[in-house]
Structures are given as structure tokens and as C-alpha cells.
Amino acid sequence: MKRLFLLTFLLLAGISTYAQSGQIDLTLRYNLAQSRYEVYARPNFSQTGFLWGSAQVSVVTPASVGNGAFNVTSHNAGAWDDNSQLYAPAAAPGLDFHGIGSTGRSTTLVANQELLLFSFTLPGNACVAGLRLFVNGSDPGSNPSTMPGDFTNVVYVAAANNTTSVYRANYVNTGTLCTDCVLVAPSLSK
């Protein structure tokens, strides 16, 4: 019995310690070939069977995007769904917010390699430039009168009493583009 208790304690302590040191960054981009937006996670650690717990990744769109939930396709870390939408709130009338959540699933992570979490399309399958991920601490926070709802990005480890998110930051989060055109200026000569 003592061995079982010790083994369980060490396992849970290891998960908790690992979750505190390991962090995950997120990005959003448009895949022109597949006509869809894609959200990727990039961990700074490797782990087979990472216990990806409940998570929310929030997408910010221009308010000109049609109102309606995104059509979400899950790829990794559980089933993802556009659980909450907020259209042109008083705190940010030019923007819409979509909280896309998952209850999680065991997932293999490789340090510094992107993992496709989910993809989505907008109502009408349109490509609209300027979509980005919510920026924790910078975008409007929850406020009952001007910004109802919490759109903070979080990724929890599925462990007992774990309330620490391993989400760290967004990368390449300047807004999506709807083209793959890369312009190269010719060199000029005299």
C-alpha cells in the first residue's frame, strides 16, 4: 500500500512540476490551399501522452465578419467547439470574440514543433484578413457592462487540483492574410 501511495504521489508531483516548467505558445494562420484558418500549439518541451486538459483559445475578428459560430474541425488535444461568441462589445466595438474550447485529451508534444489543434471556417467560407488570437492582458478583460464573458487563452494539464495554465503567449499574431503572394523587388542597376 505504501508503494502504491508513493508511486501515485510521485506521478502527480511530476505532472504538476512538469506542467509548471513546460509552456505552450499558440498561433493562428490562414491555409490558402485548404481555404481554412488553423490554430497551432508549439510547446517548449516534449512529452508522449501529455495530459492536455480543458483549454480555451480565443479568436478575435473584425466586427465585419458575419455573426455566427465558426465551423470548427478538431485535429488534436480533444474535441474543439466555438462555445462562446461576443459581437462588437462596448469595450471593443470594432471586434468580435470567439472562445473555442476543448475538454482535452492525451496528446504527444514535441519541443518546438507545431501541432495543429483545430481548423475553422467563417460563415460563408470567406477569407477575411486580420483575424488573430486574443492577447491576454492586452485585449479587453471581462467586465459585465462592456465585455461580458472571459476570452482569456488557457491550457490546463489534466491533473488533480491543477489550476495553472501552461499557455504562455501567442507568436506571429499580427493578423491573418488571405494571400500567399510574396513580393520580391528586383534589384536596380545603373
Protein backbone atom coordinates (compact mmCIF):
# COMPACT_ATOMS: atom_id res chain seq x y z
CA MET A 1 0.00 0.00 0.00
CA LYS A 2 2.85 2.38 0.85
CA ARG A 3 4.43 1.72 -2.54
CA LEU A 4 1.17 2.47 -4.36
CA PHE A 5 0.73 5.70 -2.40
CA LEU A 6 4.35 6.73 -3.04
CA LEU A 7 4.09 5.92 -6.75
CA THR A 8 0.84 7.91 -7.08
CA PHE A 9 2.31 10.85 -5.19
CA LEU A 10 5.46 10.91 -7.31
CA LEU A 11 3.43 10.68 -10.53
CA LEU A 12 1.15 13.57 -9.58
CA ALA A 13 4.05 15.67 -8.28
CA GLY A 14 5.94 15.03 -11.50
CA ILE A 15 2.99 16.07 -13.65
CA SER A 16 2.50 19.22 -11.60
CA THR A 17 6.20 20.13 -11.69
CA TYR A 18 6.45 19.40 -15.40
CA ALA A 19 3.40 21.48 -16.17
CA GLN A 20 4.89 24.44 -14.32
CA SER A 21 8.13 24.35 -16.30
CA GLY A 22 6.68 23.36 -19.69
CA GLN A 23 4.85 26.04 -21.64
CA ILE A 24 2.82 26.17 -24.83
CA ASP A 25 2.60 29.03 -27.34
CA LEU A 26 -0.19 29.42 -29.90
CA THR A 27 -0.60 30.86 -33.38
CA LEU A 28 -3.35 31.35 -35.97
CA ARG A 29 -2.89 31.46 -39.73
CA TYR A 30 -4.89 31.06 -42.91
CA ASN A 31 -4.22 28.00 -45.09
CA LEU A 32 -4.92 29.23 -48.61
CA ALA A 33 -4.68 25.76 -50.20
CA GLN A 34 -7.33 24.34 -47.84
CA SER A 35 -9.39 27.55 -47.51
CA ARG A 36 -9.41 27.43 -43.72
CA TYR A 37 -7.96 29.07 -40.63
CA GLU A 38 -5.68 26.87 -38.49
CA VAL A 39 -4.61 27.14 -34.85
CA TYR A 40 -1.31 25.56 -33.83
CA ALA A 41 0.35 24.89 -30.48
CA ARG A 42 4.14 24.98 -30.11
CA PRO A 43 5.42 23.54 -26.80
CA ASN A 44 8.86 24.22 -25.36
CA PHE A 45 9.02 20.61 -24.11
CA SER A 46 8.48 17.08 -25.40
CA GLN A 47 6.15 14.56 -23.80
CA THR A 48 4.40 11.45 -25.02
CA GLY A 49 0.92 11.27 -23.55
CA PHE A 50 0.81 14.87 -22.31
CA LEU A 51 -2.42 15.14 -20.34
CA TRP A 52 -3.94 18.08 -22.23
CA GLY A 53 -6.80 19.23 -20.04
CA SER A 54 -9.52 21.79 -20.55
CA ALA A 55 -8.49 24.69 -22.75
CA GLN A 56 -9.79 27.82 -24.41
CA VAL A 57 -8.23 29.51 -27.42
CA SER A 58 -9.96 32.76 -28.33
CA VAL A 59 -10.06 34.22 -31.82
CA VAL A 60 -10.57 37.94 -32.46
CA THR A 61 -12.13 39.02 -35.78
CA PRO A 62 -13.10 42.32 -37.34
CA ALA A 63 -16.74 43.11 -36.50
CA SER A 64 -17.45 43.00 -40.24
CA VAL A 65 -17.31 39.18 -40.13
CA GLY A 66 -20.84 37.75 -40.19
CA ASN A 67 -22.26 36.82 -36.81
CA GLY A 68 -22.41 33.10 -36.16
CA ALA A 69 -20.36 30.31 -34.66
CA PHE A 70 -17.32 29.08 -36.58
CA ASN A 71 -17.44 25.68 -38.24
CA VAL A 72 -14.66 24.01 -36.20
CA THR A 73 -12.82 20.80 -37.14
CA SER A 74 -10.82 19.15 -34.33
CA HIS A 75 -7.37 17.72 -35.08
CA ASN A 76 -5.55 17.23 -31.73
CA ALA A 77 -5.95 17.71 -27.96
CA GLY A 78 -9.63 16.76 -27.83
CA ALA A 79 -12.84 17.95 -29.43
CA TRP A 80 -12.88 21.72 -30.06
CA ASP A 81 -16.04 23.84 -30.37
CA ASP A 82 -16.88 27.53 -30.71
CA ASN A 83 -18.51 27.70 -27.28
CA SER A 84 -18.97 31.43 -26.85
CA GLN A 85 -19.27 34.41 -29.15
CA LEU A 86 -19.40 38.11 -28.37
CA TYR A 87 -20.14 40.54 -31.19
CA ALA A 88 -18.91 44.17 -31.14
CA PRO A 89 -18.94 44.67 -27.34
CA ALA A 90 -18.84 48.20 -25.94
CA ALA A 91 -15.22 47.67 -24.85
CA ALA A 92 -14.16 46.89 -28.45
CA PRO A 93 -16.96 47.78 -30.90
CA GLY A 94 -14.83 47.06 -33.99
CA LEU A 95 -14.14 43.46 -32.95
CA ASP A 96 -15.88 40.13 -32.39
CA PHE A 97 -14.63 37.45 -29.97
CA HIS A 98 -14.94 33.66 -30.22
CA GLY A 99 -13.95 31.37 -27.34
CA ILE A 100 -13.08 27.96 -28.81
CA GLY A 101 -12.81 25.33 -26.12
CA SER A 102 -11.85 21.71 -25.60
CA THR A 103 -12.12 19.33 -22.66
CA GLY A 104 -8.76 17.88 -23.72
CA ARG A 105 -7.19 14.52 -24.47
CA SER A 106 -3.83 12.81 -24.09
CA THR A 107 -1.56 14.27 -26.78
CA THR A 108 2.04 13.77 -27.85
CA LEU A 109 4.04 17.00 -27.88
CA VAL A 110 7.47 17.58 -29.42
CA ALA A 111 9.54 20.56 -28.32
CA ASN A 112 9.47 23.48 -30.77
CA GLN A 113 7.31 21.61 -33.30
CA GLU A 114 3.87 22.91 -34.21
CA LEU A 115 0.84 20.74 -33.56
CA LEU A 116 -2.40 21.53 -35.41
CA LEU A 117 -5.11 21.78 -32.74
CA PHE A 118 -8.12 22.74 -34.83
CA SER A 119 -9.15 24.46 -38.02
CA PHE A 120 -12.24 26.50 -38.77
CA THR A 121 -14.09 28.37 -41.46
CA LEU A 122 -16.11 31.54 -41.17
CA PRO A 123 -19.80 31.78 -42.00
CA GLY A 124 -19.97 31.74 -45.81
CA ASN A 125 -16.48 30.15 -46.04
CA ALA A 126 -14.95 33.58 -46.65
CA CYS A 127 -11.36 34.58 -46.02
CA VAL A 128 -11.17 37.81 -44.07
CA ALA A 129 -7.80 39.36 -43.33
CA GLY A 130 -6.96 40.46 -39.81
CA LEU A 131 -8.06 37.52 -37.66
CA ARG A 132 -5.77 36.96 -34.67
CA LEU A 133 -5.66 35.30 -31.29
CA PHE A 134 -6.84 37.07 -28.14
CA VAL A 135 -3.93 38.71 -26.29
CA ASN A 136 -4.17 38.02 -22.56
CA GLY A 137 -3.64 41.19 -20.53
CA SER A 138 -3.95 43.46 -23.57
CA ASP A 139 -7.35 42.78 -25.13
CA PRO A 140 -10.35 43.90 -23.04
CA GLY A 141 -10.87 41.77 -19.94
CA SER A 142 -14.14 40.50 -18.60
CA ASN A 143 -16.49 43.28 -17.50
CA PRO A 144 -20.25 42.75 -17.05
CA SER A 145 -21.24 46.03 -18.71
CA THR A 146 -18.72 46.42 -21.55
CA MET A 147 -17.12 42.99 -22.13
CA PRO A 148 -19.29 40.18 -20.77
CA GLY A 149 -17.53 36.82 -20.85
CA ASP A 150 -13.95 35.70 -20.38
CA PHE A 151 -11.94 35.13 -23.55
CA THR A 152 -8.58 34.51 -21.88
CA ASN A 153 -6.42 31.85 -23.56
CA VAL A 154 -5.73 28.92 -21.20
CA VAL A 155 -4.40 25.37 -21.47
CA TYR A 156 -4.63 23.23 -18.33
CA VAL A 157 -2.95 19.93 -17.57
CA ALA A 158 -5.48 17.20 -16.74
CA ALA A 159 -4.23 16.52 -13.21
CA ALA A 160 -5.91 16.62 -9.83
CA ASN A 161 -6.31 20.16 -8.47
CA ASN A 162 -4.30 21.69 -11.29
CA THR A 163 -5.28 25.31 -11.73
CA THR A 164 -2.15 26.53 -13.51
CA SER A 165 -2.32 27.16 -17.24
CA VAL A 166 0.68 26.09 -19.37
CA TYR A 167 -0.30 28.59 -22.08
CA ARG A 168 2.45 31.22 -22.35
CA ALA A 169 1.95 33.52 -25.36
CA ASN A 170 0.95 33.93 -28.99
CA TYR A 171 3.52 34.01 -31.77
CA VAL A 172 3.22 35.61 -35.22
CA ASN A 173 -0.05 37.20 -34.10
CA THR A 174 -0.25 40.29 -36.31
CA GLY A 175 -3.42 39.25 -38.15
CA THR A 176 -4.05 36.70 -40.87
CA LEU A 177 -3.59 37.36 -44.58
CA CYS A 178 -5.71 35.91 -47.38
CA THR A 179 -2.91 35.54 -49.89
CA ASP A 180 0.30 33.62 -50.30
CA CYS A 181 1.74 36.22 -52.63
CA VAL A 182 5.27 37.12 -51.65
CA LEU A 183 6.60 40.13 -53.49
CA VAL A 184 10.29 40.33 -54.24
CA ALA A 185 11.59 43.63 -55.52
CA PRO A 186 14.04 43.36 -58.40
CA SER A 187 17.47 44.80 -57.87
CA LEU A 188 18.08 48.03 -59.66
CA SER A 189 21.20 48.73 -61.65
CA LYS A 190 22.60 51.85 -63.24
